[in-house]
Amino acid sequence: MKLVILALCASLLGTAVAQAQAPAPDAAQNASREAMRQACSDDMSKLCSGKTGREMGQCMRANTEKLTPACKDAMGKMRPSTPPSTPPQ
């Protein structure tokens, strides 16, 4: 029983550490998102109407060739919200 409790505590601690390491969006990232929303608002409504969140992002990337130059430029300046994952060693 003690082993089960110890394993559970270790698992919870690992989860808490992983969540604490997730970077919070900074001011520059928020500014680039807002600039992208403004530059792409017409494209979003025309090409991806009814989609939100992740689906909206996927739709916009799927329609890159149809985006206005201003929207393409704004999307190109977006920083990724999470760092690229590294393969396990």
PDB file of N, CA and C in Angstrom:
ATOM      1  N   MET A   1       0.823  -1.194   0.000  1.00  0.00           N
ATOM      2  CA  MET A   1       0.000   0.000   0.000  1.00  0.00           C
ATOM      3  C   MET A   1       0.869   1.259   0.000  1.00  0.00           C
ATOM      4  N   LYS A   2       1.952   1.236   0.798  1.00  0.00           N
ATOM      5  CA  LYS A   2       2.841   2.392   0.847  1.00  0.00           C
ATOM      6  C   LYS A   2       3.486   2.627  -0.516  1.00  0.00           C
ATOM      7  N   LEU A   3       3.794   1.554  -1.231  1.00  0.00           N
ATOM      8  CA  LEU A   3       4.402   1.669  -2.542  1.00  0.00           C
ATOM      9  C   LEU A   3       3.438   2.331  -3.533  1.00  0.00           C
ATOM     10  N   VAL A   4       2.162   1.983  -3.446  1.00  0.00           N
ATOM     11  CA  VAL A   4       1.155   2.579  -4.322  1.00  0.00           C
ATOM     12  C   VAL A   4       1.031   4.071  -4.039  1.00  0.00           C
ATOM     13  N   ILE A   5       1.000   4.455  -2.781  1.00  0.00           N
ATOM     14  CA  ILE A   5       0.899   5.860  -2.398  1.00  0.00           C
ATOM     15  C   ILE A   5       2.139   6.618  -2.868  1.00  0.00           C
ATOM     16  N   LEU A   6       3.306   6.018  -2.691  1.00  0.00           N
ATOM     17  CA  LEU A   6       4.551   6.647  -3.127  1.00  0.00           C
ATOM     18  C   LEU A   6       4.558   6.846  -4.642  1.00  0.00           C
ATOM     19  N   ALA A   7       4.113   5.847  -5.392  1.00  0.00           N
ATOM     20  CA  ALA A   7       4.058   5.954  -6.850  1.00  0.00           C
ATOM     21  C   ALA A   7       3.074   7.039  -7.278  1.00  0.00           C
ATOM     22  N   LEU A   8       1.938   7.123  -6.590  1.00  0.00           N
ATOM     23  CA  LEU A   8       0.947   8.146  -6.910  1.00  0.00           C
ATOM     24  C   LEU A   8       1.503   9.538  -6.635  1.00  0.00           C
ATOM     25  N   CYS A   9       2.171   9.716  -5.518  1.00  0.00           N
ATOM     26  CA  CYS A   9       2.767  11.013  -5.183  1.00  0.00           C
ATOM     27  C   CYS A   9       3.831  11.401  -6.209  1.00  0.00           C
ATOM     28  N   ALA A  10       4.647  10.458  -6.624  1.00  0.00           N
ATOM     29  CA  ALA A  10       5.684  10.734  -7.618  1.00  0.00           C
ATOM     30  C   ALA A  10       5.058  11.141  -8.952  1.00  0.00           C
ATOM     31  N   SER A  11       3.972  10.481  -9.314  1.00  0.00           N
ATOM     32  CA  SER A  11       3.278  10.810 -10.557  1.00  0.00           C
ATOM     33  C   SER A  11       2.688  12.217 -10.501  1.00  0.00           C
ATOM     34  N   LEU A  12       2.058  12.564  -9.398  1.00  0.00           N
ATOM     35  CA  LEU A  12       1.482  13.897  -9.246  1.00  0.00           C
ATOM     36  C   LEU A  12       2.559  14.975  -9.258  1.00  0.00           C
ATOM     37  N   LEU A  13       3.689  14.696  -8.626  1.00  0.00           N
ATOM     38  CA  LEU A  13       4.788  15.648  -8.603  1.00  0.00           C
ATOM     39  C   LEU A  13       5.335  15.859 -10.016  1.00  0.00           C
ATOM     40  N   GLY A  14       5.477  14.801 -10.760  1.00  0.00           N
ATOM     41  CA  GLY A  14       5.960  14.903 -12.140  1.00  0.00           C
ATOM     42  C   GLY A  14       5.018  15.717 -13.008  1.00  0.00           C
ATOM     43  N   THR A  15       3.722  15.537 -12.818  1.00  0.00           N
ATOM     44  CA  THR A  15       2.732  16.312 -13.568  1.00  0.00           C
ATOM     45  C   THR A  15       2.817  17.791 -13.217  1.00  0.00           C
ATOM     46  N   ALA A  16       2.958  18.091 -11.928  1.00  0.00           N
ATOM     47  CA  ALA A  16       3.046  19.485 -11.486  1.00  0.00           C
ATOM     48  C   ALA A  16       4.290  20.160 -12.051  1.00  0.00           C
ATOM     49  N   VAL A  17       5.405  19.449 -12.079  1.00  0.00           N
ATOM     50  CA  VAL A  17       6.648  20.009 -12.617  1.00  0.00           C
ATOM     51  C   VAL A  17       6.502  20.274 -14.112  1.00  0.00           C
ATOM     52  N   ALA A  18       5.890  19.354 -14.835  1.00  0.00           N
ATOM     53  CA  ALA A  18       5.714  19.526 -16.278  1.00  0.00           C
ATOM     54  C   ALA A  18       4.822  20.727 -16.580  1.00  0.00           C
ATOM     55  N   GLN A  19       3.767  20.911 -15.802  1.00  0.00           N
ATOM     56  CA  GLN A  19       2.881  22.047 -16.026  1.00  0.00           C
ATOM     57  C   GLN A  19       3.558  23.356 -15.669  1.00  0.00           C
ATOM     58  N   ALA A  20       4.395  23.348 -14.654  1.00  0.00           N
ATOM     59  CA  ALA A  20       5.087  24.569 -14.239  1.00  0.00           C
ATOM     60  C   ALA A  20       6.092  25.022 -15.291  1.00  0.00           C
ATOM     61  N   GLN A  21       6.585  24.107 -16.105  1.00  0.00           N
ATOM     62  CA  GLN A  21       7.578  24.442 -17.111  1.00  0.00           C
ATOM     63  C   GLN A  21       6.964  24.991 -18.393  1.00  0.00           C
ATOM     64  N   ALA A  22       5.631  24.907 -18.546  1.00  0.00           N
ATOM     65  CA  ALA A  22       4.987  25.429 -19.745  1.00  0.00           C
ATOM     66  C   ALA A  22       5.107  26.947 -19.756  1.00  0.00           C
ATOM     67  N   PRO A  23       5.644  27.507 -20.835  1.00  0.00           N
ATOM     68  CA  PRO A  23       5.851  28.954 -20.865  1.00  0.00           C
ATOM     69  C   PRO A  23       4.540  29.712 -20.999  1.00  0.00           C
ATOM     70  N   ALA A  24       4.419  30.802 -20.278  1.00  0.00           N
ATOM     71  CA  ALA A  24       3.253  31.674 -20.401  1.00  0.00           C
ATOM     72  C   ALA A  24       3.489  32.626 -21.569  1.00  0.00           C
ATOM     73  N   PRO A  25       2.431  32.990 -22.272  1.00  0.00           N
ATOM     74  CA  PRO A  25       2.613  33.927 -23.386  1.00  0.00           C
ATOM     75  C   PRO A  25       3.160  35.258 -22.876  1.00  0.00           C
ATOM     76  N   ASP A  26       4.140  35.800 -23.576  1.00  0.00           N
ATOM     77  CA  ASP A  26       4.694  37.087 -23.164  1.00  0.00           C
ATOM     78  C   ASP A  26       4.047  38.207 -23.973  1.00  0.00           C
ATOM     79  N   ALA A  27       4.409  39.447 -23.655  1.00  0.00           N
ATOM     80  CA  ALA A  27       3.792  40.604 -24.302  1.00  0.00           C
ATOM     81  C   ALA A  27       4.021  40.596 -25.814  1.00  0.00           C
ATOM     82  N   ALA A  28       5.211  40.226 -26.251  1.00  0.00           N
ATOM     83  CA  ALA A  28       5.510  40.204 -27.694  1.00  0.00           C
ATOM     84  C   ALA A  28       4.657  39.160 -28.404  1.00  0.00           C
ATOM     85  N   GLN A  29       4.483  38.024 -27.769  1.00  0.00           N
ATOM     86  CA  GLN A  29       3.671  36.970 -28.371  1.00  0.00           C
ATOM     87  C   GLN A  29       2.205  37.411 -28.456  1.00  0.00           C
ATOM     88  N   ASN A  30       1.712  38.037 -27.391  1.00  0.00           N
ATOM     89  CA  ASN A  30       0.338  38.536 -27.408  1.00  0.00           C
ATOM     90  C   ASN A  30       0.153  39.609 -28.472  1.00  0.00           C
ATOM     91  N   ALA A  31       1.142  40.491 -28.630  1.00  0.00           N
ATOM     92  CA  ALA A  31       1.065  41.549 -29.639  1.00  0.00           C
ATOM     93  C   ALA A  31       1.053  40.958 -31.048  1.00  0.00           C
ATOM     94  N   SER A  32       1.873  39.937 -31.289  1.00  0.00           N
ATOM     95  CA  SER A  32       1.900  39.338 -32.627  1.00  0.00           C
ATOM     96  C   SER A  32       0.597  38.602 -32.925  1.00  0.00           C
ATOM     97  N   ARG A  33      -0.017  38.001 -31.895  1.00  0.00           N
ATOM     98  CA  ARG A  33      -1.316  37.362 -32.095  1.00  0.00           C
ATOM     99  C   ARG A  33      -2.376  38.390 -32.467  1.00  0.00           C
ATOM    100  N   GLU A  34      -2.385  39.513 -31.756  1.00  0.00           N
ATOM    101  CA  GLU A  34      -3.375  40.554 -32.037  1.00  0.00           C
ATOM    102  C   GLU A  34      -3.169  41.132 -33.441  1.00  0.00           C
ATOM    103  N   ALA A  35      -1.914  41.348 -33.834  1.00  0.00           N
ATOM    104  CA  ALA A  35      -1.626  41.853 -35.185  1.00  0.00           C
ATOM    105  C   ALA A  35      -2.096  40.852 -36.235  1.00  0.00           C
ATOM    106  N   MET A  36      -1.908  39.571 -35.963  1.00  0.00           N
ATOM    107  CA  MET A  36      -2.349  38.541 -36.897  1.00  0.00           C
ATOM    108  C   MET A  36      -3.873  38.522 -36.979  1.00  0.00           C
ATOM    109  N   ARG A  37      -4.548  38.648 -35.843  1.00  0.00           N
ATOM    110  CA  ARG A  37      -6.016  38.669 -35.862  1.00  0.00           C
ATOM    111  C   ARG A  37      -6.541  39.839 -36.694  1.00  0.00           C
ATOM    112  N   GLN A  38      -5.915  40.994 -36.547  1.00  0.00           N
ATOM    113  CA  GLN A  38      -6.350  42.166 -37.304  1.00  0.00           C
ATOM    114  C   GLN A  38      -6.070  42.010 -38.791  1.00  0.00           C
ATOM    115  N   ALA A  39      -4.888  41.542 -39.131  1.00  0.00           N
ATOM    116  CA  ALA A  39      -4.507  41.396 -40.540  1.00  0.00           C
ATOM    117  C   ALA A  39      -5.288  40.285 -41.233  1.00  0.00           C
ATOM    118  N   CYS A  40      -5.715  39.299 -40.476  1.00  0.00           N
ATOM    119  CA  CYS A  40      -6.341  38.119 -41.077  1.00  0.00           C
ATOM    120  C   CYS A  40      -7.850  38.034 -40.854  1.00  0.00           C
ATOM    121  N   SER A  41      -8.458  39.036 -40.258  1.00  0.00           N
ATOM    122  CA  SER A  41      -9.879  38.924 -39.914  1.00  0.00           C
ATOM    123  C   SER A  41     -10.753  38.636 -41.140  1.00  0.00           C
ATOM    124  N   ASP A  42     -10.506  39.318 -42.245  1.00  0.00           N
ATOM    125  CA  ASP A  42     -11.299  39.061 -43.459  1.00  0.00           C
ATOM    126  C   ASP A  42     -11.047  37.655 -43.998  1.00  0.00           C
ATOM    127  N   ASP A  43      -9.775  37.239 -43.992  1.00  0.00           N
ATOM    128  CA  ASP A  43      -9.428  35.892 -44.472  1.00  0.00           C
ATOM    129  C   ASP A  43     -10.074  34.826 -43.593  1.00  0.00           C
ATOM    130  N   MET A  44     -10.060  35.051 -42.282  1.00  0.00           N
ATOM    131  CA  MET A  44     -10.643  34.075 -41.363  1.00  0.00           C
ATOM    132  C   MET A  44     -12.137  33.903 -41.628  1.00  0.00           C
ATOM    133  N   SER A  45     -12.836  35.019 -41.783  1.00  0.00           N
ATOM    134  CA  SER A  45     -14.286  34.919 -41.995  1.00  0.00           C
ATOM    135  C   SER A  45     -14.615  34.348 -43.369  1.00  0.00           C
ATOM    136  N   LYS A  46     -13.799  34.652 -44.366  1.00  0.00           N
ATOM    137  CA  LYS A  46     -14.061  34.174 -45.725  1.00  0.00           C
ATOM    138  C   LYS A  46     -13.695  32.692 -45.884  1.00  0.00           C
ATOM    139  N   LEU A  47     -12.534  32.300 -45.375  1.00  0.00           N
ATOM    140  CA  LEU A  47     -12.019  30.943 -45.625  1.00  0.00           C
ATOM    141  C   LEU A  47     -12.356  29.929 -44.536  1.00  0.00           C
ATOM    142  N   CYS A  48     -12.529  30.402 -43.302  1.00  0.00           N
ATOM    143  CA  CYS A  48     -12.661  29.471 -42.183  1.00  0.00           C
ATOM    144  C   CYS A  48     -13.847  29.826 -41.279  1.00  0.00           C
ATOM    145  N   SER A  49     -14.912  30.302 -41.859  1.00  0.00           N
ATOM    146  CA  SER A  49     -16.090  30.711 -41.112  1.00  0.00           C
ATOM    147  C   SER A  49     -16.594  29.571 -40.219  1.00  0.00           C
ATOM    148  N   GLY A  50     -16.912  29.913 -38.979  1.00  0.00           N
ATOM    149  CA  GLY A  50     -17.465  28.923 -38.048  1.00  0.00           C
ATOM    150  C   GLY A  50     -16.427  28.137 -37.274  1.00  0.00           C
ATOM    151  N   LYS A  51     -15.166  28.312 -37.580  1.00  0.00           N
ATOM    152  CA  LYS A  51     -14.121  27.574 -36.872  1.00  0.00           C
ATOM    153  C   LYS A  51     -13.510  28.474 -35.799  1.00  0.00           C
ATOM    154  N   THR A  52     -13.053  27.865 -34.713  1.00  0.00           N
ATOM    155  CA  THR A  52     -12.406  28.600 -33.631  1.00  0.00           C
ATOM    156  C   THR A  52     -11.214  27.813 -33.125  1.00  0.00           C
ATOM    157  N   GLY A  53     -10.368  28.497 -32.380  1.00  0.00           N
ATOM    158  CA  GLY A  53      -9.247  27.836 -31.715  1.00  0.00           C
ATOM    159  C   GLY A  53      -8.333  27.081 -32.662  1.00  0.00           C
ATOM    160  N   ARG A  54      -8.037  25.862 -32.277  1.00  0.00           N
ATOM    161  CA  ARG A  54      -7.121  25.020 -33.047  1.00  0.00           C
ATOM    162  C   ARG A  54      -7.630  24.764 -34.460  1.00  0.00           C
ATOM    163  N   GLU A  55      -8.949  24.554 -34.592  1.00  0.00           N
ATOM    164  CA  GLU A  55      -9.519  24.322 -35.925  1.00  0.00           C
ATOM    165  C   GLU A  55      -9.301  25.521 -36.839  1.00  0.00           C
ATOM    166  N   MET A  56      -9.408  26.730 -36.266  1.00  0.00           N
ATOM    167  CA  MET A  56      -9.169  27.943 -37.051  1.00  0.00           C
ATOM    168  C   MET A  56      -7.722  27.976 -37.536  1.00  0.00           C
ATOM    169  N   GLY A  57      -6.779  27.696 -36.643  1.00  0.00           N
ATOM    170  CA  GLY A  57      -5.368  27.691 -37.020  1.00  0.00           C
ATOM    171  C   GLY A  57      -5.070  26.676 -38.102  1.00  0.00           C
ATOM    172  N   GLN A  58      -5.656  25.487 -37.968  1.00  0.00           N
ATOM    173  CA  GLN A  58      -5.444  24.447 -38.975  1.00  0.00           C
ATOM    174  C   GLN A  58      -6.033  24.861 -40.322  1.00  0.00           C
ATOM    175  N   CYS A  59      -7.209  25.477 -40.281  1.00  0.00           N
ATOM    176  CA  CYS A  59      -7.854  25.922 -41.509  1.00  0.00           C
ATOM    177  C   CYS A  59      -7.012  27.002 -42.188  1.00  0.00           C
ATOM    178  N   MET A  60      -6.515  27.939 -41.406  1.00  0.00           N
ATOM    179  CA  MET A  60      -5.704  29.017 -41.989  1.00  0.00           C
ATOM    180  C   MET A  60      -4.428  28.457 -42.623  1.00  0.00           C
ATOM    181  N   ARG A  61      -3.778  27.518 -41.941  1.00  0.00           N
ATOM    182  CA  ARG A  61      -2.565  26.909 -42.510  1.00  0.00           C
ATOM    183  C   ARG A  61      -2.896  26.098 -43.767  1.00  0.00           C
ATOM    184  N   ALA A  62      -4.057  25.443 -43.783  1.00  0.00           N
ATOM    185  CA  ALA A  62      -4.450  24.655 -44.953  1.00  0.00           C
ATOM    186  C   ALA A  62      -4.752  25.543 -46.160  1.00  0.00           C
ATOM    187  N   ASN A  63      -5.099  26.804 -45.896  1.00  0.00           N
ATOM    188  CA  ASN A  63      -5.456  27.731 -46.977  1.00  0.00           C
ATOM    189  C   ASN A  63      -4.409  28.820 -47.179  1.00  0.00           C
ATOM    190  N   THR A  64      -3.176  28.548 -46.839  1.00  0.00           N
ATOM    191  CA  THR A  64      -2.111  29.546 -46.909  1.00  0.00           C
ATOM    192  C   THR A  64      -2.023  30.208 -48.280  1.00  0.00           C
ATOM    193  N   GLU A  65      -2.179  29.445 -49.346  1.00  0.00           N
ATOM    194  CA  GLU A  65      -2.038  30.011 -50.683  1.00  0.00           C
ATOM    195  C   GLU A  65      -3.166  30.994 -51.025  1.00  0.00           C
ATOM    196  N   LYS A  66      -4.271  30.962 -50.301  1.00  0.00           N
ATOM    197  CA  LYS A  66      -5.405  31.842 -50.564  1.00  0.00           C
ATOM    198  C   LYS A  66      -5.399  33.097 -49.680  1.00  0.00           C
ATOM    199  N   LEU A  67      -4.470  33.194 -48.723  1.00  0.00           N
ATOM    200  CA  LEU A  67      -4.444  34.318 -47.789  1.00  0.00           C
ATOM    201  C   LEU A  67      -3.938  35.589 -48.458  1.00  0.00           C
ATOM    202  N   THR A  68      -4.378  36.724 -47.945  1.00  0.00           N
ATOM    203  CA  THR A  68      -3.881  38.010 -48.433  1.00  0.00           C
ATOM    204  C   THR A  68      -2.416  38.157 -48.020  1.00  0.00           C
ATOM    205  N   PRO A  69      -1.650  38.952 -48.751  1.00  0.00           N
ATOM    206  CA  PRO A  69      -0.238  39.144 -48.391  1.00  0.00           C
ATOM    207  C   PRO A  69      -0.051  39.660 -46.954  1.00  0.00           C
ATOM    208  N   ALA A  70      -0.913  40.568 -46.505  1.00  0.00           N
ATOM    209  CA  ALA A  70      -0.783  41.095 -45.139  1.00  0.00           C
ATOM    210  C   ALA A  70      -0.989  40.000 -44.105  1.00  0.00           C
ATOM    211  N   CYS A  71      -1.930  39.127 -44.348  1.00  0.00           N
ATOM    212  CA  CYS A  71      -2.191  38.016 -43.426  1.00  0.00           C
ATOM    213  C   CYS A  71      -1.021  37.034 -43.426  1.00  0.00           C
ATOM    214  N   LYS A  72      -0.511  36.696 -44.604  1.00  0.00           N
ATOM    215  CA  LYS A  72       0.644  35.794 -44.685  1.00  0.00           C
ATOM    216  C   LYS A  72       1.827  36.365 -43.908  1.00  0.00           C
ATOM    217  N   ASP A  73       2.051  37.671 -44.067  1.00  0.00           N
ATOM    218  CA  ASP A  73       3.157  38.320 -43.369  1.00  0.00           C
ATOM    219  C   ASP A  73       2.959  38.249 -41.852  1.00  0.00           C
ATOM    220  N   ALA A  74       1.748  38.549 -41.391  1.00  0.00           N
ATOM    221  CA  ALA A  74       1.462  38.521 -39.956  1.00  0.00           C
ATOM    222  C   ALA A  74       1.601  37.107 -39.397  1.00  0.00           C
ATOM    223  N   MET A  75       1.141  36.114 -40.138  1.00  0.00           N
ATOM    224  CA  MET A  75       1.261  34.730 -39.675  1.00  0.00           C
ATOM    225  C   MET A  75       2.726  34.300 -39.625  1.00  0.00           C
ATOM    226  N   GLY A  76       3.523  34.803 -40.556  1.00  0.00           N
ATOM    227  CA  GLY A  76       4.944  34.474 -40.577  1.00  0.00           C
ATOM    228  C   GLY A  76       5.694  35.042 -39.390  1.00  0.00           C
ATOM    229  N   LYS A  77       5.171  36.110 -38.817  1.00  0.00           N
ATOM    230  CA  LYS A  77       5.821  36.734 -37.667  1.00  0.00           C
ATOM    231  C   LYS A  77       5.391  36.132 -36.333  1.00  0.00           C
ATOM    232  N   MET A  78       4.421  35.238 -36.352  1.00  0.00           N
ATOM    233  CA  MET A  78       3.948  34.604 -35.115  1.00  0.00           C
ATOM    234  C   MET A  78       5.019  33.674 -34.570  1.00  0.00           C
ATOM    235  N   ARG A  79       5.235  33.776 -33.279  1.00  0.00           N
ATOM    236  CA  ARG A  79       6.139  32.835 -32.612  1.00  0.00           C
ATOM    237  C   ARG A  79       5.331  31.630 -32.174  1.00  0.00           C
ATOM    238  N   PRO A  80       5.910  30.443 -32.189  1.00  0.00           N
ATOM    239  CA  PRO A  80       5.165  29.268 -31.725  1.00  0.00           C
ATOM    240  C   PRO A  80       4.791  29.431 -30.262  1.00  0.00           C
ATOM    241  N   SER A  81       3.609  28.945 -29.902  1.00  0.00           N
ATOM    242  CA  SER A  81       3.157  29.075 -28.521  1.00  0.00           C
ATOM    243  C   SER A  81       3.861  28.095 -27.583  1.00  0.00           C
ATOM    244  N   THR A  82       4.382  27.012 -28.144  1.00  0.00           N
ATOM    245  CA  THR A  82       5.149  26.061 -27.338  1.00  0.00           C
ATOM    246  C   THR A  82       6.456  25.765 -28.054  1.00  0.00           C
ATOM    247  N   PRO A  83       7.518  25.534 -27.303  1.00  0.00           N
ATOM    248  CA  PRO A  83       8.790  25.223 -27.963  1.00  0.00           C
ATOM    249  C   PRO A  83       8.703  23.869 -28.645  1.00  0.00           C
ATOM    250  N   PRO A  84       9.473  23.657 -29.706  1.00  0.00           N
ATOM    251  CA  PRO A  84       9.464  22.357 -30.370  1.00  0.00           C
ATOM    252  C   PRO A  84       9.896  21.271 -29.404  1.00  0.00           C
ATOM    253  N   SER A  85       9.223  20.138 -29.489  1.00  0.00           N
ATOM    254  CA  SER A  85       9.569  19.049 -28.584  1.00  0.00           C
ATOM    255  C   SER A  85      10.851  18.369 -29.052  1.00  0.00           C
ATOM    256  N   THR A  86      11.605  17.918 -28.100  1.00  0.00           N
ATOM    257  CA  THR A  86      12.830  17.187 -28.413  1.00  0.00           C
ATOM    258  C   THR A  86      12.561  15.713 -28.246  1.00  0.00           C
ATOM    259  N   PRO A  87      13.104  14.893 -29.121  1.00  0.00           N
ATOM    260  CA  PRO A  87      12.861  13.448 -29.010  1.00  0.00           C
ATOM    261  C   PRO A  87      13.469  12.899 -27.724  1.00  0.00           C
ATOM    262  N   PRO A  88      12.826  11.883 -27.134  1.00  0.00           N
ATOM    263  CA  PRO A  88      13.380  11.281 -25.919  1.00  0.00           C
ATOM    264  C   PRO A  88      14.751  10.671 -26.183  1.00  0.00           C
ATOM    265  N   GLN A  89      15.578  10.720 -25.190  1.00  0.00           N
ATOM    266  CA  GLN A  89      16.938  10.184 -25.348  1.00  0.00           C
ATOM    267  C   GLN A  89      17.063   8.829 -24.704  1.00  0.00           C
TER     268      GLN A  89
END
